[in-house]
mmCIF file of all heavy atoms, coordinates in Angstrom:
data_MODEL
# 
_entry.id   MODEL 
# 
loop_
_atom_site.group_PDB 
_atom_site.id 
_atom_site.type_symbol 
_atom_site.label_atom_id 
_atom_site.label_alt_id 
_atom_site.label_comp_id 
_atom_site.label_asym_id 
_atom_site.label_entity_id 
_atom_site.label_seq_id 
_atom_site.pdbx_PDB_ins_code 
_atom_site.Cartn_x 
_atom_site.Cartn_y 
_atom_site.Cartn_z 
_atom_site.occupancy 
_atom_site.B_iso_or_equiv 
_atom_site.pdbx_formal_charge 
_atom_site.auth_seq_id 
_atom_site.auth_comp_id 
_atom_site.auth_asym_id 
_atom_site.auth_atom_id 
_atom_site.pdbx_PDB_model_num 
ATOM 1   N N   . ARG A 1 1  ? 57.061 21.262 -133.264 1.00 0.00 ? 1  ARG A N   1 
ATOM 2   C CA  . ARG A 1 1  ? 58.280 20.447 -133.343 1.00 0.00 ? 1  ARG A CA  1 
ATOM 3   C C   . ARG A 1 1  ? 58.506 19.695 -132.034 1.00 0.00 ? 1  ARG A C   1 
ATOM 4   O O   . ARG A 1 1  ? 58.906 18.524 -132.029 1.00 0.00 ? 1  ARG A O   1 
ATOM 5   C CB  . ARG A 1 1  ? 59.490 21.329 -133.679 1.00 0.00 ? 1  ARG A CB  1 
ATOM 6   C CG  . ARG A 1 1  ? 59.521 21.840 -135.093 1.00 0.00 ? 1  ARG A CG  1 
ATOM 7   C CD  . ARG A 1 1  ? 60.887 22.425 -135.441 1.00 0.00 ? 1  ARG A CD  1 
ATOM 8   N NE  . ARG A 1 1  ? 61.228 23.582 -134.605 1.00 0.00 ? 1  ARG A NE  1 
ATOM 9   C CZ  . ARG A 1 1  ? 60.924 24.843 -134.899 1.00 0.00 ? 1  ARG A CZ  1 
ATOM 10  N NH1 . ARG A 1 1  ? 60.243 25.114 -136.010 1.00 0.00 ? 1  ARG A NH1 1 
ATOM 11  N NH2 . ARG A 1 1  ? 61.293 25.822 -134.106 1.00 0.00 ? 1  ARG A NH2 1 
ATOM 12  N N   . HIS A 1 2  ? 58.250 20.373 -130.923 1.00 0.00 ? 2  HIS A N   1 
ATOM 13  C CA  . HIS A 1 2  ? 58.432 19.764 -129.614 1.00 0.00 ? 2  HIS A CA  1 
ATOM 14  C C   . HIS A 1 2  ? 57.487 18.586 -129.420 1.00 0.00 ? 2  HIS A C   1 
ATOM 15  O O   . HIS A 1 2  ? 57.900 17.510 -128.937 1.00 0.00 ? 2  HIS A O   1 
ATOM 16  C CB  . HIS A 1 2  ? 58.197 20.829 -128.543 1.00 0.00 ? 2  HIS A CB  1 
ATOM 17  C CG  . HIS A 1 2  ? 58.339 20.332 -127.142 1.00 0.00 ? 2  HIS A CG  1 
ATOM 18  N ND1 . HIS A 1 2  ? 59.552 19.969 -126.588 1.00 0.00 ? 2  HIS A ND1 1 
ATOM 19  C CD2 . HIS A 1 2  ? 57.410 20.129 -126.164 1.00 0.00 ? 2  HIS A CD2 1 
ATOM 20  C CE1 . HIS A 1 2  ? 59.369 19.575 -125.344 1.00 0.00 ? 2  HIS A CE1 1 
ATOM 21  N NE2 . HIS A 1 2  ? 58.074 19.658 -125.055 1.00 0.00 ? 2  HIS A NE2 1 
ATOM 22  N N   . LEU A 1 3  ? 56.231 18.749 -129.780 1.00 0.00 ? 3  LEU A N   1 
ATOM 23  C CA  . LEU A 1 3  ? 55.260 17.662 -129.636 1.00 0.00 ? 3  LEU A CA  1 
ATOM 24  C C   . LEU A 1 3  ? 55.624 16.482 -130.530 1.00 0.00 ? 3  LEU A C   1 
ATOM 25  O O   . LEU A 1 3  ? 55.517 15.320 -130.123 1.00 0.00 ? 3  LEU A O   1 
ATOM 26  C CB  . LEU A 1 3  ? 53.851 18.161 -129.964 1.00 0.00 ? 3  LEU A CB  1 
ATOM 27  C CG  . LEU A 1 3  ? 53.260 19.214 -129.025 1.00 0.00 ? 3  LEU A CG  1 
ATOM 28  C CD1 . LEU A 1 3  ? 51.899 19.674 -129.530 1.00 0.00 ? 3  LEU A CD1 1 
ATOM 29  C CD2 . LEU A 1 3  ? 53.159 18.689 -127.600 1.00 0.00 ? 3  LEU A CD2 1 
ATOM 30  N N   . LYS A 1 4  ? 56.056 16.763 -131.735 1.00 0.00 ? 4  LYS A N   1 
ATOM 31  C CA  . LYS A 1 4  ? 56.433 15.690 -132.664 1.00 0.00 ? 4  LYS A CA  1 
ATOM 32  C C   . LYS A 1 4  ? 57.668 14.930 -132.184 1.00 0.00 ? 4  LYS A C   1 
ATOM 33  O O   . LYS A 1 4  ? 57.851 13.760 -132.536 1.00 0.00 ? 4  LYS A O   1 
ATOM 34  C CB  . LYS A 1 4  ? 56.678 16.273 -134.062 1.00 0.00 ? 4  LYS A CB  1 
ATOM 35  C CG  . LYS A 1 4  ? 55.397 16.682 -134.785 1.00 0.00 ? 4  LYS A CG  1 
ATOM 36  C CD  . LYS A 1 4  ? 55.689 17.202 -136.182 1.00 0.00 ? 4  LYS A CD  1 
ATOM 37  C CE  . LYS A 1 4  ? 54.402 17.506 -136.946 1.00 0.00 ? 4  LYS A CE  1 
ATOM 38  N NZ  . LYS A 1 4  ? 54.670 18.037 -138.309 1.00 0.00 ? 4  LYS A NZ  1 
ATOM 39  N N   . SER A 1 5  ? 58.491 15.573 -131.380 1.00 0.00 ? 5  SER A N   1 
ATOM 40  C CA  . SER A 1 5  ? 59.690 14.910 -130.864 1.00 0.00 ? 5  SER A CA  1 
ATOM 41  C C   . SER A 1 5  ? 59.414 14.137 -129.571 1.00 0.00 ? 5  SER A C   1 
ATOM 42  O O   . SER A 1 5  ? 60.328 13.563 -128.986 1.00 0.00 ? 5  SER A O   1 
ATOM 43  C CB  . SER A 1 5  ? 60.797 15.937 -130.620 1.00 0.00 ? 5  SER A CB  1 
ATOM 44  O OG  . SER A 1 5  ? 60.477 16.775 -129.515 1.00 0.00 ? 5  SER A OG  1 
ATOM 45  N N   . GLY A 1 6  ? 58.146 14.136 -129.120 1.00 0.00 ? 6  GLY A N   1 
ATOM 46  C CA  . GLY A 1 6  ? 57.781 13.374 -127.934 1.00 0.00 ? 6  GLY A CA  1 
ATOM 47  C C   . GLY A 1 6  ? 57.625 14.179 -126.666 1.00 0.00 ? 6  GLY A C   1 
ATOM 48  O O   . GLY A 1 6  ? 57.376 13.619 -125.596 1.00 0.00 ? 6  GLY A O   1 
ATOM 49  N N   . GLY A 1 7  ? 57.741 15.503 -126.773 1.00 0.00 ? 7  GLY A N   1 
ATOM 50  C CA  . GLY A 1 7  ? 57.573 16.349 -125.605 1.00 0.00 ? 7  GLY A CA  1 
ATOM 51  C C   . GLY A 1 7  ? 56.113 16.662 -125.325 1.00 0.00 ? 7  GLY A C   1 
ATOM 52  O O   . GLY A 1 7  ? 55.214 16.315 -126.096 1.00 0.00 ? 7  GLY A O   1 
ATOM 53  N N   . VAL A 1 8  ? 55.874 17.327 -124.215 1.00 0.00 ? 8  VAL A N   1 
ATOM 54  C CA  . VAL A 1 8  ? 54.554 17.786 -123.811 1.00 0.00 ? 8  VAL A CA  1 
ATOM 55  C C   . VAL A 1 8  ? 54.676 19.269 -123.499 1.00 0.00 ? 8  VAL A C   1 
ATOM 56  O O   . VAL A 1 8  ? 55.746 19.744 -123.093 1.00 0.00 ? 8  VAL A O   1 
ATOM 57  C CB  . VAL A 1 8  ? 54.053 17.004 -122.576 1.00 0.00 ? 8  VAL A CB  1 
ATOM 58  C CG1 . VAL A 1 8  ? 52.790 17.611 -121.998 1.00 0.00 ? 8  VAL A CG1 1 
ATOM 59  C CG2 . VAL A 1 8  ? 53.791 15.547 -122.946 1.00 0.00 ? 8  VAL A CG2 1 
ATOM 60  N N   . ALA A 1 9  ? 53.600 20.024 -123.694 1.00 0.00 ? 9  ALA A N   1 
ATOM 61  C CA  . ALA A 1 9  ? 53.656 21.463 -123.456 1.00 0.00 ? 9  ALA A CA  1 
ATOM 62  C C   . ALA A 1 9  ? 52.468 21.936 -122.624 1.00 0.00 ? 9  ALA A C   1 
ATOM 63  O O   . ALA A 1 9  ? 51.359 21.399 -122.741 1.00 0.00 ? 9  ALA A O   1 
ATOM 64  C CB  . ALA A 1 9  ? 53.695 22.223 -124.775 1.00 0.00 ? 9  ALA A CB  1 
ATOM 65  N N   . ILE A 1 10 ? 52.695 22.933 -121.801 1.00 0.00 ? 10 ILE A N   1 
ATOM 66  C CA  . ILE A 1 10 ? 51.630 23.628 -121.087 1.00 0.00 ? 10 ILE A CA  1 
ATOM 67  C C   . ILE A 1 10 ? 51.359 24.924 -121.837 1.00 0.00 ? 10 ILE A C   1 
ATOM 68  O O   . ILE A 1 10 ? 52.284 25.710 -122.091 1.00 0.00 ? 10 ILE A O   1 
ATOM 69  C CB  . ILE A 1 10 ? 52.032 23.906 -119.629 1.00 0.00 ? 10 ILE A CB  1 
ATOM 70  C CG1 . ILE A 1 10 ? 52.256 22.576 -118.897 1.00 0.00 ? 10 ILE A CG1 1 
ATOM 71  C CG2 . ILE A 1 10 ? 50.958 24.739 -118.922 1.00 0.00 ? 10 ILE A CG2 1 
ATOM 72  C CD1 . ILE A 1 10 ? 52.862 22.737 -117.509 1.00 0.00 ? 10 ILE A CD1 1 
ATOM 73  N N   . CYS A 1 11 ? 50.107 25.147 -122.211 1.00 0.00 ? 11 CYS A N   1 
ATOM 74  C CA  . CYS A 1 11 ? 49.710 26.307 -123.004 1.00 0.00 ? 11 CYS A CA  1 
ATOM 75  C C   . CYS A 1 11 ? 49.010 27.324 -122.114 1.00 0.00 ? 11 CYS A C   1 
ATOM 76  O O   . CYS A 1 11 ? 48.168 26.960 -121.291 1.00 0.00 ? 11 CYS A O   1 
ATOM 77  C CB  . CYS A 1 11 ? 48.782 25.888 -124.138 1.00 0.00 ? 11 CYS A CB  1 
ATOM 78  S SG  . CYS A 1 11 ? 49.441 24.577 -125.189 1.00 0.00 ? 11 CYS A SG  1 
ATOM 79  N N   . ASN A 1 12 ? 49.328 28.583 -122.316 1.00 0.00 ? 12 ASN A N   1 
ATOM 80  C CA  . ASN A 1 12 ? 48.913 29.666 -121.441 1.00 0.00 ? 12 ASN A CA  1 
ATOM 81  C C   . ASN A 1 12 ? 47.881 30.527 -122.149 1.00 0.00 ? 12 ASN A C   1 
ATOM 82  O O   . ASN A 1 12 ? 48.221 31.492 -122.829 1.00 0.00 ? 12 ASN A O   1 
ATOM 83  C CB  . ASN A 1 12 ? 50.157 30.479 -121.057 1.00 0.00 ? 12 ASN A CB  1 
ATOM 84  C CG  . ASN A 1 12 ? 49.888 31.512 -119.992 1.00 0.00 ? 12 ASN A CG  1 
ATOM 85  O OD1 . ASN A 1 12 ? 48.792 31.607 -119.469 1.00 0.00 ? 12 ASN A OD1 1 
ATOM 86  N ND2 . ASN A 1 12 ? 50.917 32.286 -119.680 1.00 0.00 ? 12 ASN A ND2 1 
ATOM 87  N N   . GLN A 1 13 ? 46.582 30.183 -122.015 1.00 0.00 ? 13 GLN A N   1 
ATOM 88  C CA  . GLN A 1 13 ? 45.553 30.998 -122.652 1.00 0.00 ? 13 GLN A CA  1 
ATOM 89  C C   . GLN A 1 13 ? 45.371 32.306 -121.900 1.00 0.00 ? 13 GLN A C   1 
ATOM 90  O O   . GLN A 1 13 ? 45.355 32.336 -120.670 1.00 0.00 ? 13 GLN A O   1 
ATOM 91  C CB  . GLN A 1 13 ? 44.205 30.284 -122.695 1.00 0.00 ? 13 GLN A CB  1 
ATOM 92  C CG  . GLN A 1 13 ? 43.171 31.124 -123.459 1.00 0.00 ? 13 GLN A CG  1 
ATOM 93  C CD  . GLN A 1 13 ? 41.728 30.736 -123.205 1.00 0.00 ? 13 GLN A CD  1 
ATOM 94  O OE1 . GLN A 1 13 ? 41.212 29.874 -123.873 1.00 0.00 ? 13 GLN A OE1 1 
ATOM 95  N NE2 . GLN A 1 13 ? 41.081 31.385 -122.246 1.00 0.00 ? 13 GLN A NE2 1 
ATOM 96  N N   . GLY A 1 14 ? 45.196 33.382 -122.666 1.00 0.00 ? 14 GLY A N   1 
ATOM 97  C CA  . GLY A 1 14 ? 44.993 34.692 -122.069 1.00 0.00 ? 14 GLY A CA  1 
ATOM 98  C C   . GLY A 1 14 ? 43.533 35.035 -121.855 1.00 0.00 ? 14 GLY A C   1 
ATOM 99  O O   . GLY A 1 14 ? 42.666 34.159 -121.782 1.00 0.00 ? 14 GLY A O   1 
ATOM 100 N N   . ASP A 1 15 ? 43.251 36.336 -121.799 1.00 0.00 ? 15 ASP A N   1 
ATOM 101 C CA  . ASP A 1 15 ? 41.901 36.820 -121.498 1.00 0.00 ? 15 ASP A CA  1 
ATOM 102 C C   . ASP A 1 15 ? 41.131 37.297 -122.729 1.00 0.00 ? 15 ASP A C   1 
ATOM 103 O O   . ASP A 1 15 ? 39.918 37.488 -122.648 1.00 0.00 ? 15 ASP A O   1 
ATOM 104 C CB  . ASP A 1 15 ? 41.985 37.977 -120.503 1.00 0.00 ? 15 ASP A CB  1 
ATOM 105 C CG  . ASP A 1 15 ? 42.618 37.560 -119.185 1.00 0.00 ? 15 ASP A CG  1 
ATOM 106 O OD1 . ASP A 1 15 ? 42.152 36.570 -118.600 1.00 0.00 ? 15 ASP A OD1 1 
ATOM 107 O OD2 . ASP A 1 15 ? 43.576 38.219 -118.747 1.00 0.00 ? 15 ASP A OD2 1 
ATOM 108 N N   . SER A 1 16 ? 41.806 37.497 -123.840 1.00 0.00 ? 16 SER A N   1 
ATOM 109 C CA  . SER A 1 16 ? 41.156 38.207 -124.943 1.00 0.00 ? 16 SER A CA  1 
ATOM 110 C C   . SER A 1 16 ? 40.457 37.294 -125.945 1.00 0.00 ? 16 SER A C   1 
ATOM 111 O O   . SER A 1 16 ? 39.546 37.746 -126.646 1.00 0.00 ? 16 SER A O   1 
ATOM 112 C CB  . SER A 1 16 ? 42.183 39.082 -125.678 1.00 0.00 ? 16 SER A CB  1 
ATOM 113 O OG  . SER A 1 16 ? 43.191 38.273 -126.269 1.00 0.00 ? 16 SER A OG  1 
ATOM 114 N N   . TYR A 1 17 ? 40.860 36.028 -126.043 1.00 0.00 ? 17 TYR A N   1 
ATOM 115 C CA  . TYR A 1 17 ? 40.269 35.135 -127.054 1.00 0.00 ? 17 TYR A CA  1 
ATOM 116 C C   . TYR A 1 17 ? 39.932 33.801 -126.394 1.00 0.00 ? 17 TYR A C   1 
ATOM 117 O O   . TYR A 1 17 ? 40.815 33.056 -125.977 1.00 0.00 ? 17 TYR A O   1 
ATOM 118 C CB  . TYR A 1 17 ? 41.237 34.934 -128.216 1.00 0.00 ? 17 TYR A CB  1 
ATOM 119 C CG  . TYR A 1 17 ? 40.615 34.272 -129.432 1.00 0.00 ? 17 TYR A CG  1 
ATOM 120 C CD1 . TYR A 1 17 ? 39.826 34.999 -130.317 1.00 0.00 ? 17 TYR A CD1 1 
ATOM 121 C CD2 . TYR A 1 17 ? 40.815 32.916 -129.689 1.00 0.00 ? 17 TYR A CD2 1 
ATOM 122 C CE1 . TYR A 1 17 ? 39.263 34.397 -131.440 1.00 0.00 ? 17 TYR A CE1 1 
ATOM 123 C CE2 . TYR A 1 17 ? 40.253 32.306 -130.804 1.00 0.00 ? 17 TYR A CE2 1 
ATOM 124 C CZ  . TYR A 1 17 ? 39.479 33.053 -131.673 1.00 0.00 ? 17 TYR A CZ  1 
ATOM 125 O OH  . TYR A 1 17 ? 38.917 32.448 -132.777 1.00 0.00 ? 17 TYR A OH  1 
ATOM 126 N N   . ASN A 1 18 ? 38.658 33.505 -126.295 1.00 0.00 ? 18 ASN A N   1 
ATOM 127 C CA  . ASN A 1 18 ? 38.154 32.369 -125.543 1.00 0.00 ? 18 ASN A CA  1 
ATOM 128 C C   . ASN A 1 18 ? 38.097 31.109 -126.402 1.00 0.00 ? 18 ASN A C   1 
ATOM 129 O O   . ASN A 1 18 ? 37.274 30.998 -127.307 1.00 0.00 ? 18 ASN A O   1 
ATOM 130 C CB  . ASN A 1 18 ? 36.757 32.728 -125.029 1.00 0.00 ? 18 ASN A CB  1 
ATOM 131 C CG  . ASN A 1 18 ? 35.989 31.537 -124.483 1.00 0.00 ? 18 ASN A CG  1 
ATOM 132 O OD1 . ASN A 1 18 ? 36.569 30.488 -124.202 1.00 0.00 ? 18 ASN A OD1 1 
ATOM 133 N ND2 . ASN A 1 18 ? 34.698 31.709 -124.329 1.00 0.00 ? 18 ASN A ND2 1 
ATOM 134 N N   . VAL A 1 19 ? 38.999 30.172 -126.115 1.00 0.00 ? 19 VAL A N   1 
ATOM 135 C CA  . VAL A 1 19 ? 38.913 28.832 -126.688 1.00 0.00 ? 19 VAL A CA  1 
ATOM 136 C C   . VAL A 1 19 ? 38.694 27.813 -125.573 1.00 0.00 ? 19 VAL A C   1 
ATOM 137 O O   . VAL A 1 19 ? 37.774 26.998 -125.624 1.00 0.00 ? 19 VAL A O   1 
ATOM 138 C CB  . VAL A 1 19 ? 40.178 28.463 -127.495 1.00 0.00 ? 19 VAL A CB  1 
ATOM 139 C CG1 . VAL A 1 19 ? 40.092 27.027 -128.003 1.00 0.00 ? 19 VAL A CG1 1 
ATOM 140 C CG2 . VAL A 1 19 ? 40.354 29.420 -128.665 1.00 0.00 ? 19 VAL A CG2 1 
ATOM 141 N N   . PHE A 1 20 ? 39.517 27.878 -124.528 1.00 0.00 ? 20 PHE A N   1 
ATOM 142 C CA  . PHE A 1 20 ? 39.472 26.887 -123.452 1.00 0.00 ? 20 PHE A CA  1 
ATOM 143 C C   . PHE A 1 20 ? 38.794 27.403 -122.187 1.00 0.00 ? 20 PHE A C   1 
ATOM 144 O O   . PHE A 1 20 ? 38.464 26.619 -121.303 1.00 0.00 ? 20 PHE A O   1 
ATOM 145 C CB  . PHE A 1 20 ? 40.898 26.447 -123.102 1.00 0.00 ? 20 PHE A CB  1 
ATOM 146 C CG  . PHE A 1 20 ? 41.736 26.132 -124.301 1.00 0.00 ? 20 PHE A CG  1 
ATOM 147 C CD1 . PHE A 1 20 ? 42.829 26.916 -124.628 1.00 0.00 ? 20 PHE A CD1 1 
ATOM 148 C CD2 . PHE A 1 20 ? 41.417 25.064 -125.138 1.00 0.00 ? 20 PHE A CD2 1 
ATOM 149 C CE1 . PHE A 1 20 ? 43.605 26.646 -125.744 1.00 0.00 ? 20 PHE A CE1 1 
ATOM 150 C CE2 . PHE A 1 20 ? 42.192 24.787 -126.252 1.00 0.00 ? 20 PHE A CE2 1 
ATOM 151 C CZ  . PHE A 1 20 ? 43.283 25.575 -126.558 1.00 0.00 ? 20 PHE A CZ  1 
ATOM 152 N N   . SER A 1 21 ? 38.613 28.702 -122.071 1.00 0.00 ? 21 SER A N   1 
ATOM 153 C CA  . SER A 1 21 ? 38.029 29.285 -120.869 1.00 0.00 ? 21 SER A CA  1 
ATOM 154 C C   . SER A 1 21 ? 37.631 30.721 -121.166 1.00 0.00 ? 21 SER A C   1 
ATOM 155 O O   . SER A 1 21 ? 38.069 31.306 -122.160 1.00 0.00 ? 21 SER A O   1 
ATOM 156 C CB  . SER A 1 21 ? 39.043 29.254 -119.720 1.00 0.00 ? 21 SER A CB  1 
ATOM 157 O OG  . SER A 1 21 ? 38.534 29.885 -118.572 1.00 0.00 ? 21 SER A OG  1 
ATOM 158 N N   . THR A 1 22 ? 36.795 31.295 -120.308 1.00 0.00 ? 22 THR A N   1 
ATOM 159 C CA  . THR A 1 22 ? 36.404 32.697 -120.470 1.00 0.00 ? 22 THR A CA  1 
ATOM 160 C C   . THR A 1 22 ? 37.426 33.654 -119.871 1.00 0.00 ? 22 THR A C   1 
ATOM 161 O O   . THR A 1 22 ? 37.271 34.863 -119.968 1.00 0.00 ? 22 THR A O   1 
ATOM 162 C CB  . THR A 1 22 ? 35.035 32.946 -119.805 1.00 0.00 ? 22 THR A CB  1 
ATOM 163 O OG1 . THR A 1 22 ? 35.104 32.541 -118.434 1.00 0.00 ? 22 THR A OG1 1 
ATOM 164 C CG2 . THR A 1 22 ? 33.935 32.161 -120.512 1.00 0.00 ? 22 THR A CG2 1 
ATOM 165 N N   . ALA A 1 23 ? 38.459 33.116 -119.241 1.00 0.00 ? 23 ALA A N   1 
ATOM 166 C CA  . ALA A 1 23 ? 39.535 33.936 -118.668 1.00 0.00 ? 23 ALA A CA  1 
ATOM 167 C C   . ALA A 1 23 ? 40.838 33.164 -118.804 1.00 0.00 ? 23 ALA A C   1 
ATOM 168 O O   . ALA A 1 23 ? 40.893 32.130 -119.481 1.00 0.00 ? 23 ALA A O   1 
ATOM 169 C CB  . ALA A 1 23 ? 39.235 34.263 -117.214 1.00 0.00 ? 23 ALA A CB  1 
ATOM 170 N N   . GLY A 1 24 ? 41.901 33.653 -118.170 1.00 0.00 ? 24 GLY A N   1 
ATOM 171 C CA  . GLY A 1 24 ? 43.185 32.963 -118.251 1.00 0.00 ? 24 GLY A CA  1 
ATOM 172 C C   . GLY A 1 24 ? 43.078 31.522 -117.793 1.00 0.00 ? 24 GLY A C   1 
ATOM 173 O O   . GLY A 1 24 ? 42.388 31.214 -116.817 1.00 0.00 ? 24 GLY A O   1 
ATOM 174 N N   . HIS A 1 25 ? 43.786 30.642 -118.485 1.00 0.00 ? 25 HIS A N   1 
ATOM 175 C CA  . HIS A 1 25 ? 43.639 29.213 -118.195 1.00 0.00 ? 25 HIS A CA  1 
ATOM 176 C C   . HIS A 1 25 ? 44.847 28.462 -118.760 1.00 0.00 ? 25 HIS A C   1 
ATOM 177 O O   . HIS A 1 25 ? 45.321 28.756 -119.864 1.00 0.00 ? 25 HIS A O   1 
ATOM 178 C CB  . HIS A 1 25 ? 42.361 28.694 -118.862 1.00 0.00 ? 25 HIS A CB  1 
ATOM 179 C CG  . HIS A 1 25 ? 41.974 27.297 -118.478 1.00 0.00 ? 25 HIS A CG  1 
ATOM 180 N ND1 . HIS A 1 25 ? 42.005 26.838 -117.185 1.00 0.00 ? 25 HIS A ND1 1 
ATOM 181 C CD2 . HIS A 1 25 ? 41.533 26.248 -119.237 1.00 0.00 ? 25 HIS A CD2 1 
ATOM 182 C CE1 . HIS A 1 25 ? 41.584 25.577 -117.149 1.00 0.00 ? 25 HIS A CE1 1 
ATOM 183 N NE2 . HIS A 1 25 ? 41.301 25.207 -118.387 1.00 0.00 ? 25 HIS A NE2 1 
ATOM 184 N N   . PHE A 1 26 ? 45.357 27.488 -117.992 1.00 0.00 ? 26 PHE A N   1 
ATOM 185 C CA  . PHE A 1 26 ? 46.419 26.607 -118.462 1.00 0.00 ? 26 PHE A CA  1 
ATOM 186 C C   . PHE A 1 26 ? 45.825 25.279 -118.932 1.00 0.00 ? 26 PHE A C   1 
ATOM 187 O O   . PHE A 1 26 ? 44.990 24.686 -118.239 1.00 0.00 ? 26 PHE A O   1 
ATOM 188 C CB  . PHE A 1 26 ? 47.431 26.328 -117.351 1.00 0.00 ? 26 PHE A CB  1 
ATOM 189 C CG  . PHE A 1 26 ? 48.255 27.515 -116.960 1.00 0.00 ? 26 PHE A CG  1 
ATOM 190 C CD1 . PHE A 1 26 ? 48.054 28.151 -115.744 1.00 0.00 ? 26 PHE A CD1 1 
ATOM 191 C CD2 . PHE A 1 26 ? 49.243 28.002 -117.813 1.00 0.00 ? 26 PHE A CD2 1 
ATOM 192 C CE1 . PHE A 1 26 ? 48.818 29.240 -115.367 1.00 0.00 ? 26 PHE A CE1 1 
ATOM 193 C CE2 . PHE A 1 26 ? 50.011 29.100 -117.453 1.00 0.00 ? 26 PHE A CE2 1 
ATOM 194 C CZ  . PHE A 1 26 ? 49.800 29.726 -116.230 1.00 0.00 ? 26 PHE A CZ  1 
ATOM 195 N N   . VAL A 1 27 ? 46.268 24.838 -120.105 1.00 0.00 ? 27 VAL A N   1 
ATOM 196 C CA  . VAL A 1 27 ? 45.898 23.525 -120.630 1.00 0.00 ? 27 VAL A CA  1 
ATOM 197 C C   . VAL A 1 27 ? 47.176 22.829 -121.078 1.00 0.00 ? 27 VAL A C   1 
ATOM 198 O O   . VAL A 1 27 ? 48.242 23.437 -121.157 1.00 0.00 ? 27 VAL A O   1 
ATOM 199 C CB  . VAL A 1 27 ? 44.894 23.630 -121.800 1.00 0.00 ? 27 VAL A CB  1 
ATOM 200 C CG1 . VAL A 1 27 ? 43.585 24.267 -121.350 1.00 0.00 ? 27 VAL A CG1 1 
ATOM 201 C CG2 . VAL A 1 27 ? 45.498 24.405 -122.980 1.00 0.00 ? 27 VAL A CG2 1 
# 
């Protein structure tokens, strides 16, 4: 909802499931 309203978000990837990094990572 926030993105559709024109906002931007920082996403906080953890350590257990690797999509953006092999460890914690902000995207």
